[in-house]
Amino acid sequence: MFRHIEVYISVGSNQHIKSSNFGLLAEGKYKGRKVLILKPDTYMNLSGNAVKFWLQKENIPLENLMIIADDLALPFGTLRMKMKGSDAGHNGLKSIQEQLQTQNYPRLRFGISAEFSEGRQVDYVLGKWNEEECEKLPERVEKFSKATLSFIFAGIQNAMTSFNGK
């Protein structure tokens, strides 16, 4: 399993995943609410194209958008949810901000730490988890999934209070 985090959140038994414009799209209903999960298939520095396309196509307001990203600045497994913020050097977030023309959208960051040698960032991000990380990863992904569902059903403020830093 590569270090770059990919989280799949079950959205109920009615879900289906399809290849669509700009990526893979999972659509389903959970507790009566429609949930869409997009995994862009563009290069990371073009992921804003996918986000903008689906926001417009589905008429989704920004406050209902949750961008999920890995974060080198956070220790492994740390969750940090915010209502807005800068791209902090993350090319995917930079692309999204350029396309949406705002920094004001919710995001959930998953810490992958910064245990790489100078100039080896790409190799690190695309590398494999170490043994200790592999042991802890299932529990962290479970917590991450619960934080995302909390955002969907309880709102950003409640989700931040319940999950930030945990």
Protein backbone atom coordinates (compact mmCIF):
# COMPACT_ATOMS: atom_id res chain seq x y z
CA MET A 1 0.00 0.00 0.00
CA PHE A 2 1.46 3.36 -1.02
CA ARG A 3 1.95 6.18 1.49
CA HIS A 4 -0.40 8.46 -0.46
CA ILE A 5 -3.66 7.98 1.43
CA GLU A 6 -6.79 6.86 -0.33
CA VAL A 7 -9.86 6.46 1.84
CA TYR A 8 -12.99 4.75 0.69
CA ILE A 9 -16.06 5.56 2.74
CA SER A 10 -19.02 3.26 2.48
CA VAL A 11 -22.11 5.26 1.63
CA GLY A 12 -24.60 2.46 2.06
CA SER A 13 -25.82 -0.50 0.08
CA ASN A 14 -27.14 1.63 -2.79
CA GLN A 15 -23.68 2.84 -3.75
CA HIS A 16 -22.04 2.42 -7.09
CA ILE A 17 -18.67 3.55 -8.43
CA LYS A 18 -18.22 4.60 -12.03
CA SER A 19 -15.54 6.11 -14.17
CA SER A 20 -16.75 9.54 -15.14
CA ASN A 21 -15.57 12.99 -16.15
CA PHE A 22 -12.26 13.71 -14.44
CA GLY A 23 -12.16 10.59 -12.25
CA LEU A 24 -13.94 7.87 -10.33
CA LEU A 25 -17.25 8.85 -8.79
CA ALA A 26 -19.02 6.93 -6.04
CA GLU A 27 -22.63 7.87 -5.50
CA GLY A 28 -24.98 6.58 -2.88
CA LYS A 29 -27.43 7.35 -0.14
CA TYR A 30 -26.69 7.12 3.54
CA LYS A 31 -29.37 7.84 6.15
CA GLY A 32 -31.46 9.48 3.43
CA ARG A 33 -28.75 11.82 2.19
CA LYS A 34 -27.12 11.73 -1.22
CA VAL A 35 -23.34 11.38 -0.95
CA LEU A 36 -20.86 11.76 -3.80
CA ILE A 37 -17.21 10.81 -3.47
CA LEU A 38 -14.85 11.87 -6.25
CA LYS A 39 -11.34 10.56 -6.78
CA PRO A 40 -9.87 12.74 -9.53
CA ASP A 41 -7.85 10.93 -12.18
CA THR A 42 -6.08 14.10 -13.25
CA TYR A 43 -2.59 14.96 -12.12
CA MET A 44 -2.76 16.33 -8.58
CA ASN A 45 -1.89 19.84 -9.76
CA LEU A 46 -5.00 19.75 -12.00
CA SER A 47 -7.46 18.28 -9.47
CA GLY A 48 -9.27 21.64 -9.24
CA ASN A 49 -10.70 20.96 -12.70
CA ALA A 50 -12.47 17.85 -11.42
CA VAL A 51 -13.75 19.54 -8.27
CA LYS A 52 -15.09 22.56 -10.17
CA PHE A 53 -16.75 20.38 -12.82
CA TRP A 54 -18.65 18.25 -10.26
CA LEU A 55 -19.61 21.17 -8.02
CA GLN A 56 -21.20 22.86 -11.03
CA LYS A 57 -22.73 19.70 -12.51
CA GLU A 58 -24.35 18.66 -9.20
CA ASN A 59 -25.03 22.24 -8.01
CA ILE A 60 -23.20 21.60 -4.74
CA PRO A 61 -22.65 24.61 -2.46
CA LEU A 62 -19.09 25.09 -1.17
CA GLU A 63 -20.13 24.46 2.44
CA ASN A 64 -21.17 20.92 1.41
CA LEU A 65 -17.80 20.20 -0.19
CA MET A 66 -15.11 18.37 1.79
CA ILE A 67 -11.65 18.19 0.24
CA ILE A 68 -9.57 15.34 1.63
CA ALA A 69 -5.78 15.59 1.32
CA ASP A 70 -2.60 14.13 2.69
CA ASP A 71 -0.35 16.48 4.65
CA LEU A 72 3.41 16.27 5.12
CA ALA A 73 3.30 18.92 7.88
CA LEU A 74 1.24 16.74 10.23
CA PRO A 75 2.54 13.71 12.14
CA PHE A 76 1.43 10.35 10.77
CA GLY A 77 -2.26 9.67 11.33
CA THR A 78 -3.14 13.13 12.67
CA LEU A 79 -6.50 14.42 11.47
CA ARG A 80 -7.08 18.13 10.99
CA MET A 81 -10.38 19.52 9.74
CA LYS A 82 -10.72 23.20 8.84
CA MET A 83 -13.41 25.42 7.36
CA LYS A 84 -10.94 27.32 5.17
CA GLY A 85 -7.24 27.96 4.74
CA SER A 86 -4.29 28.34 2.43
CA ASP A 87 -2.95 25.62 0.16
CA ALA A 88 0.14 25.31 2.45
CA GLY A 89 2.21 24.28 -0.58
CA HIS A 90 -0.07 21.34 -1.51
CA ASN A 91 -0.40 21.33 -5.31
CA GLY A 92 -3.84 19.74 -5.25
CA LEU A 93 -5.22 22.37 -2.88
CA LYS A 94 -3.54 25.10 -4.93
CA SER A 95 -5.33 23.86 -8.06
CA ILE A 96 -8.68 23.71 -6.26
CA GLN A 97 -8.26 27.23 -4.90
CA GLU A 98 -7.35 28.54 -8.36
CA GLN A 99 -10.39 26.90 -9.97
CA LEU A 100 -12.86 27.84 -7.21
CA GLN A 101 -11.35 31.32 -6.75
CA THR A 102 -11.53 30.96 -2.97
CA GLN A 103 -9.81 29.39 0.03
CA ASN A 104 -13.15 29.13 1.82
CA TYR A 105 -14.06 25.46 1.55
CA PRO A 106 -13.90 22.68 4.17
CA ARG A 107 -10.96 20.32 4.10
CA LEU A 108 -9.78 17.31 6.05
CA ARG A 109 -6.06 16.65 6.14
CA PHE A 110 -4.46 13.33 7.01
CA GLY A 111 -0.92 13.56 8.37
CA ILE A 112 1.65 11.44 6.60
CA SER A 113 4.64 13.12 8.38
CA ALA A 114 7.79 14.42 6.74
CA GLU A 115 10.31 11.66 7.33
CA PHE A 116 12.10 12.07 4.00
CA SER A 117 15.58 13.14 2.96
CA GLU A 118 16.05 16.53 1.31
CA GLY A 119 14.91 16.37 -2.31
CA ARG A 120 13.11 13.03 -1.82
CA GLN A 121 9.59 14.30 -1.14
CA VAL A 122 8.00 12.70 -4.21
CA ASP A 123 9.63 9.34 -3.48
CA TYR A 124 8.40 9.55 0.10
CA VAL A 125 4.81 10.47 -0.75
CA LEU A 126 4.62 7.75 -3.40
CA GLY A 127 6.57 5.27 -1.27
CA LYS A 128 5.25 2.55 0.99
CA TRP A 129 4.15 2.80 4.62
CA ASN A 130 6.66 1.49 7.15
CA GLU A 131 5.79 -1.46 9.42
CA GLU A 132 4.63 0.69 12.35
CA GLU A 133 2.46 2.84 10.08
CA CYS A 134 0.94 -0.28 8.50
CA GLU A 135 -0.09 -1.49 11.95
CA LYS A 136 -1.72 1.82 12.88
CA LEU A 137 -3.23 2.64 9.48
CA PRO A 138 -6.51 0.67 9.73
CA GLU A 139 -7.50 2.43 12.98
CA ARG A 140 -6.54 5.85 11.56
CA VAL A 141 -8.50 5.25 8.35
CA GLU A 142 -11.52 4.20 10.43
CA LYS A 143 -11.28 7.42 12.48
CA PHE A 144 -10.80 9.41 9.27
CA SER A 145 -13.93 7.85 7.75
CA LYS A 146 -15.96 8.63 10.87
CA ALA A 147 -14.77 12.25 10.76
CA THR A 148 -15.92 12.54 7.15
CA LEU A 149 -19.34 11.09 7.94
CA SER A 150 -19.59 13.45 10.92
CA PHE A 151 -19.01 16.38 8.56
CA ILE A 152 -21.80 15.12 6.29
CA PHE A 153 -24.35 14.57 9.04
CA ALA A 154 -23.40 16.85 11.93
CA GLY A 155 -21.72 19.74 10.12
CA ILE A 156 -18.22 21.13 10.10
CA GLN A 157 -18.25 22.68 13.58
CA ASN A 158 -19.35 19.48 15.33
CA ALA A 159 -16.96 17.37 13.25
CA MET A 160 -14.02 19.66 14.05
CA THR A 161 -14.81 19.55 17.76
CA SER A 162 -15.13 15.77 17.78
CA PHE A 163 -12.17 14.80 15.61
CA ASN A 164 -9.46 17.47 15.30
CA GLY A 165 -6.12 16.26 16.57
CA LYS A 166 -7.42 12.82 17.46
